[in-house]
C-alpha atoms as a PDB file:
ATOM      1  CA  UNK A   1     135.050  59.672   6.124  1.00  0.00           C
ATOM      2  CA  UNK A   2     134.566  56.132   4.732  1.00  0.00           C
ATOM      3  CA  UNK A   3     132.017  55.381   7.477  1.00  0.00           C
ATOM      4  CA  UNK A   4     130.065  58.531   6.526  1.00  0.00           C
ATOM      5  CA  UNK A   5     129.933  57.501   2.845  1.00  0.00           C
ATOM      6  CA  UNK A   6     128.811  54.004   3.835  1.00  0.00           C
ATOM      7  CA  UNK A   7     125.985  55.409   5.986  1.00  0.00           C
ATOM      8  CA  UNK A   8     124.921  57.689   3.100  1.00  0.00           C
ATOM      9  CA  UNK A   9     124.993  54.790   0.642  1.00  0.00           C
ATOM     10  CA  UNK A  10     122.982  52.534   2.980  1.00  0.00           C
ATOM     11  CA  UNK A  11     120.482  55.340   3.596  1.00  0.00           C
ATOM     12  CA  UNK A  12     120.086  55.976  -0.132  1.00  0.00           C
ATOM     13  CA  UNK A  13     119.578  52.261  -0.865  1.00  0.00           C
ATOM     14  CA  UNK A  14     117.030  51.963   1.966  1.00  0.00           C
ATOM     15  CA  UNK A  15     115.064  54.941   0.619  1.00  0.00           C
ATOM     16  CA  UNK A  16     115.165  53.494  -2.921  1.00  0.00           C
ATOM     17  CA  UNK A  17     113.877  50.139  -1.670  1.00  0.00           C
ATOM     18  CA  UNK A  18     111.061  51.850   0.238  1.00  0.00           C
ATOM     19  CA  UNK A  19     110.028  53.893  -2.791  1.00  0.00           C
ATOM     20  CA  UNK A  20     110.006  50.843  -5.026  1.00  0.00           C
ATOM     21  CA  UNK A  21     107.907  48.939  -2.499  1.00  0.00           C
ATOM     22  CA  UNK A  22     105.286  51.702  -2.332  1.00  0.00           C
ATOM     23  CA  UNK A  23     104.572  51.606  -6.041  1.00  0.00           C
ATOM     24  CA  UNK A  24     104.731  47.836  -6.469  1.00  0.00           C
ATOM     25  CA  UNK A  25     101.506  46.442  -7.905  1.00  0.00           C
ATOM     26  CA  UNK A  26     102.974  43.043  -8.783  1.00  0.00           C
ATOM     27  CA  UNK A  27     101.395  41.295  -5.801  1.00  0.00           C
ATOM     28  CA  UNK A  28      97.978  42.931  -6.273  1.00  0.00           C
ATOM     29  CA  UNK A  29      95.326  40.489  -7.516  1.00  0.00           C
ATOM     30  CA  UNK A  30      93.301  41.089 -10.651  1.00  0.00           C
ATOM     31  CA  UNK A  31      90.542  43.583  -9.853  1.00  0.00           C
ATOM     32  CA  UNK A  32      87.194  44.427 -11.396  1.00  0.00           C
ATOM     33  CA  UNK A  33      85.550  47.833 -11.026  1.00  0.00           C
ATOM     34  CA  UNK A  34      82.458  47.409  -8.842  1.00  0.00           C
ATOM     35  CA  UNK A  35      79.609  49.876  -8.394  1.00  0.00           C
ATOM     36  CA  UNK A  36      75.893  49.650  -7.955  1.00  0.00           C
ATOM     37  CA  UNK A  37      72.868  50.304  -5.801  1.00  0.00           C
ATOM     38  CA  UNK A  38      71.449  48.784  -2.630  1.00  0.00           C
ATOM     39  CA  UNK A  39      67.736  48.880  -1.880  1.00  0.00           C
ATOM     40  CA  UNK A  40      65.779  47.586   1.092  1.00  0.00           C
ATOM     41  CA  UNK A  41      62.128  46.776   0.443  1.00  0.00           C
ATOM     42  CA  UNK A  42      62.276  48.760  -2.798  1.00  0.00           C
ATOM     43  CA  UNK A  43      63.790  51.935  -1.284  1.00  0.00           C
ATOM     44  CA  UNK A  44      67.437  53.077  -1.627  1.00  0.00           C
ATOM     45  CA  UNK A  45      69.426  52.051   1.453  1.00  0.00           C
ATOM     46  CA  UNK A  46      71.436  55.098   2.575  1.00  0.00           C
ATOM     47  CA  UNK A  47      74.740  55.021   4.458  1.00  0.00           C
ATOM     48  CA  UNK A  48      75.354  51.275   4.325  1.00  0.00           C
ATOM     49  CA  UNK A  49      78.648  49.426   4.093  1.00  0.00           C
ATOM     50  CA  UNK A  50      78.935  46.981   1.177  1.00  0.00           C
ATOM     51  CA  UNK A  51      81.827  44.567   1.715  1.00  0.00           C
ATOM     52  CA  UNK A  52      83.226  42.089  -0.830  1.00  0.00           C
ATOM     53  CA  UNK A  53      85.128  39.168   0.749  1.00  0.00           C
ATOM     54  CA  UNK A  54      86.895  36.995  -1.848  1.00  0.00           C
ATOM     55  CA  UNK A  55      86.057  33.318  -1.349  1.00  0.00           C
ATOM     56  CA  UNK A  56      89.607  32.466  -2.462  1.00  0.00           C
ATOM     57  CA  UNK A  57      90.993  34.614   0.370  1.00  0.00           C
ATOM     58  CA  UNK A  58      92.629  38.000   0.369  1.00  0.00           C
ATOM     59  CA  UNK A  59      91.733  41.586   1.135  1.00  0.00           C
ATOM     60  CA  UNK A  60      88.101  42.638   1.592  1.00  0.00           C
ATOM     61  CA  UNK A  61      86.989  45.501  -0.674  1.00  0.00           C
ATOM     62  CA  UNK A  62      84.401  47.953   0.653  1.00  0.00           C
ATOM     63  CA  UNK A  63      82.075  50.645  -0.561  1.00  0.00           C
ATOM     64  CA  UNK A  64      79.560  52.867   1.217  1.00  0.00           C
ATOM     65  CA  UNK A  65      76.206  53.944  -0.102  1.00  0.00           C
ATOM     66  CA  UNK A  66      75.202  57.577  -0.260  1.00  0.00           C
ATOM     67  CA  UNK A  67      71.726  58.921   0.407  1.00  0.00           C
ATOM     68  CA  UNK A  68      70.688  57.502  -2.997  1.00  0.00           C
ATOM     69  CA  UNK A  69      71.801  53.934  -2.146  1.00  0.00           C
ATOM     70  CA  UNK A  70      74.631  53.982  -4.732  1.00  0.00           C
ATOM     71  CA  UNK A  71      78.157  52.779  -3.977  1.00  0.00           C
ATOM     72  CA  UNK A  72      81.592  52.188  -5.508  1.00  0.00           C
ATOM     73  CA  UNK A  73      83.947  49.593  -4.111  1.00  0.00           C
ATOM     74  CA  UNK A  74      87.460  50.458  -2.932  1.00  0.00           C
ATOM     75  CA  UNK A  75      90.147  47.770  -2.739  1.00  0.00           C
ATOM     76  CA  UNK A  76      92.846  49.955  -1.141  1.00  0.00           C
ATOM     77  CA  UNK A  77      92.333  53.288   0.561  1.00  0.00           C
ATOM     78  CA  UNK A  78      95.895  54.212   1.576  1.00  0.00           C
ATOM     79  CA  UNK A  79      98.456  55.334   0.515  1.00  0.00           C
ATOM     80  CA  UNK A  80      96.822  55.617  -2.938  1.00  0.00           C
ATOM     81  CA  UNK A  81      93.180  54.785  -3.504  1.00  0.00           C
ATOM     82  CA  UNK A  82      92.612  51.727  -5.710  1.00  0.00           C
ATOM     83  CA  UNK A  83      89.052  51.106  -6.821  1.00  0.00           C
ATOM     84  CA  UNK A  84      87.525  47.672  -7.347  1.00  0.00           C
ATOM     85  CA  UNK A  85      87.243  44.218  -5.824  1.00  0.00           C
ATOM     86  CA  UNK A  86      89.113  40.964  -6.407  1.00  0.00           C
ATOM     87  CA  UNK A  87      87.987  39.114  -9.539  1.00  0.00           C
ATOM     88  CA  UNK A  88      86.167  35.866  -8.778  1.00  0.00           C
ATOM     89  CA  UNK A  89      83.497  34.709  -6.368  1.00  0.00           C
ATOM     90  CA  UNK A  90      82.894  37.121  -3.487  1.00  0.00           C
ATOM     91  CA  UNK A  91      80.780  36.758  -0.359  1.00  0.00           C
ATOM     92  CA  UNK A  92      78.946  40.083   0.130  1.00  0.00           C
ATOM     93  CA  UNK A  93      78.047  41.588   3.498  1.00  0.00           C
ATOM     94  CA  UNK A  94      75.833  44.673   3.768  1.00  0.00           C
ATOM     95  CA  UNK A  95      75.334  46.569   7.023  1.00  0.00           C
ATOM     96  CA  UNK A  96      74.115  49.957   8.202  1.00  0.00           C
ATOM     97  CA  UNK A  97      76.105  49.699  11.428  1.00  0.00           C
ATOM     98  CA  UNK A  98      79.004  51.728   9.995  1.00  0.00           C
ATOM     99  CA  UNK A  99      81.509  54.191  11.360  1.00  0.00           C
ATOM    100  CA  UNK A 100      80.351  57.637  10.127  1.00  0.00           C
ATOM    101  CA  UNK A 101      83.974  58.548   9.345  1.00  0.00           C
ATOM    102  CA  UNK A 102      83.877  55.941   6.530  1.00  0.00           C
ATOM    103  CA  UNK A 103      81.126  57.844   4.726  1.00  0.00           C
ATOM    104  CA  UNK A 104      83.207  60.009   2.403  1.00  0.00           C
ATOM    105  CA  UNK A 105      81.588  62.991   0.775  1.00  0.00           C
ATOM    106  CA  UNK A 106      78.741  63.099   3.298  1.00  0.00           C
ATOM    107  CA  UNK A 107      78.387  66.221   5.393  1.00  0.00           C
ATOM    108  CA  UNK A 108      78.641  65.364   9.098  1.00  0.00           C
ATOM    109  CA  UNK A 109      75.989  67.978   9.875  1.00  0.00           C
ATOM    110  CA  UNK A 110      73.508  66.009   7.719  1.00  0.00           C
ATOM    111  CA  UNK A 111      74.049  62.812   9.674  1.00  0.00           C
ATOM    112  CA  UNK A 112      72.301  61.456  12.707  1.00  0.00           C
ATOM    113  CA  UNK A 113      75.193  59.260  13.864  1.00  0.00           C
ATOM    114  CA  UNK A 114      73.002  57.201  16.209  1.00  0.00           C
ATOM    115  CA  UNK A 115      70.546  56.500  13.382  1.00  0.00           C
ATOM    116  CA  UNK A 116      73.410  55.486  11.067  1.00  0.00           C
ATOM    117  CA  UNK A 117      74.754  52.965  13.537  1.00  0.00           C
ATOM    118  CA  UNK A 118      71.278  51.457  13.974  1.00  0.00           C
ATOM    119  CA  UNK A 119      71.186  48.192  12.030  1.00  0.00           C
ATOM    120  CA  UNK A 120      68.453  48.202   9.397  1.00  0.00           C
ATOM    121  CA  UNK A 121      69.665  45.257   7.302  1.00  0.00           C
ATOM    122  CA  UNK A 122      68.181  41.818   8.037  1.00  0.00           C
ATOM    123  CA  UNK A 123      70.691  39.352   9.458  1.00  0.00           C
ATOM    124  CA  UNK A 124      70.580  37.148   6.355  1.00  0.00           C
ATOM    125  CA  UNK A 125      72.519  39.845   4.420  1.00  0.00           C
ATOM    126  CA  UNK A 126      75.124  40.753   7.041  1.00  0.00           C
ATOM    127  CA  UNK A 127      77.882  39.013   8.921  1.00  0.00           C
ATOM    128  CA  UNK A 128      79.297  35.556   8.235  1.00  0.00           C
ATOM    129  CA  UNK A 129      75.828  34.180   7.504  1.00  0.00           C
ATOM    130  CA  UNK A 130      75.114  36.531   4.589  1.00  0.00           C
ATOM    131  CA  UNK A 131      73.363  34.797   1.695  1.00  0.00           C
ATOM    132  CA  UNK A 132      74.777  37.287  -0.825  1.00  0.00           C
ATOM    133  CA  UNK A 133      77.394  36.189  -3.355  1.00  0.00           C
ATOM    134  CA  UNK A 134      78.557  37.761  -6.600  1.00  0.00           C
ATOM    135  CA  UNK A 135      81.057  36.835  -9.266  1.00  0.00           C
ATOM    136  CA  UNK A 136      83.252  39.883  -9.896  1.00  0.00           C
ATOM    137  CA  UNK A 137      84.513  39.908 -13.466  1.00  0.00           C
ATOM    138  CA  UNK A 138      87.293  41.836 -15.214  1.00  0.00           C
ATOM    139  CA  UNK A 139      86.280  45.332 -16.251  1.00  0.00           C
ATOM    140  CA  UNK A 140      83.144  47.052 -14.998  1.00  0.00           C
ATOM    141  CA  UNK A 141      80.628  45.339 -12.747  1.00  0.00           C
ATOM    142  CA  UNK A 142      77.364  47.168 -12.122  1.00  0.00           C
ATOM    143  CA  UNK A 143      75.359  45.441  -9.384  1.00  0.00           C
ATOM    144  CA  UNK A 144      71.944  45.778  -7.772  1.00  0.00           C
ATOM    145  CA  UNK A 145      71.371  44.365  -4.304  1.00  0.00           C
ATOM    146  CA  UNK A 146      67.603  44.299  -3.765  1.00  0.00           C
ATOM    147  CA  UNK A 147      67.241  43.389  -0.101  1.00  0.00           C
ATOM    148  CA  UNK A 148      63.928  42.512   1.531  1.00  0.00           C
ATOM    149  CA  UNK A 149      62.816  41.823   5.062  1.00  0.00           C
ATOM    150  CA  UNK A 150      61.931  38.332   3.791  1.00  0.00           C
ATOM    151  CA  UNK A 151      65.591  37.602   2.936  1.00  0.00           C
ATOM    152  CA  UNK A 152      65.218  36.587  -0.699  1.00  0.00           C
ATOM    153  CA  UNK A 153      68.633  35.982  -2.315  1.00  0.00           C
ATOM    154  CA  UNK A 154      69.703  38.882  -4.532  1.00  0.00           C
ATOM    155  CA  UNK A 155      72.772  40.314  -6.229  1.00  0.00           C
ATOM    156  CA  UNK A 156      72.205  40.865  -9.910  1.00  0.00           C
ATOM    157  CA  UNK A 157      74.201  42.547 -12.632  1.00  0.00           C
ATOM    158  CA  UNK A 158      72.567  45.657 -14.068  1.00  0.00           C
END
């Protein structure tokens, strides 16, 4: 009987520790809300991934543009969605070579998955060599990434 109570007590304490760990935000960095628009040669860039990599290290935040080129950045997707990106200087990577399952709210029947995976973004804006950088601040950050085939540096606050 004592062994059964000890197992129950240990089980209850383990469950309590797990529940506390799931809601812990103490180790989460300061985040700023990030949204905006991406254009390529003056036209909205649909179905592109917009990734914010903190220069100080840490988790990359990502957003995906809709047909209108607009995006919102997500810091954590699971178990509970947390919007934003880490405050501070962020290296930004934009690509159209995305997994269609990442495009939330977009009807799969409206997508040409081969066309989505085709890279339309010039190399200077994607991958480790991206020339894009932004300073994410506390609160709301509304950004415009005006990409061109000529690779002019962009990333302005709206």
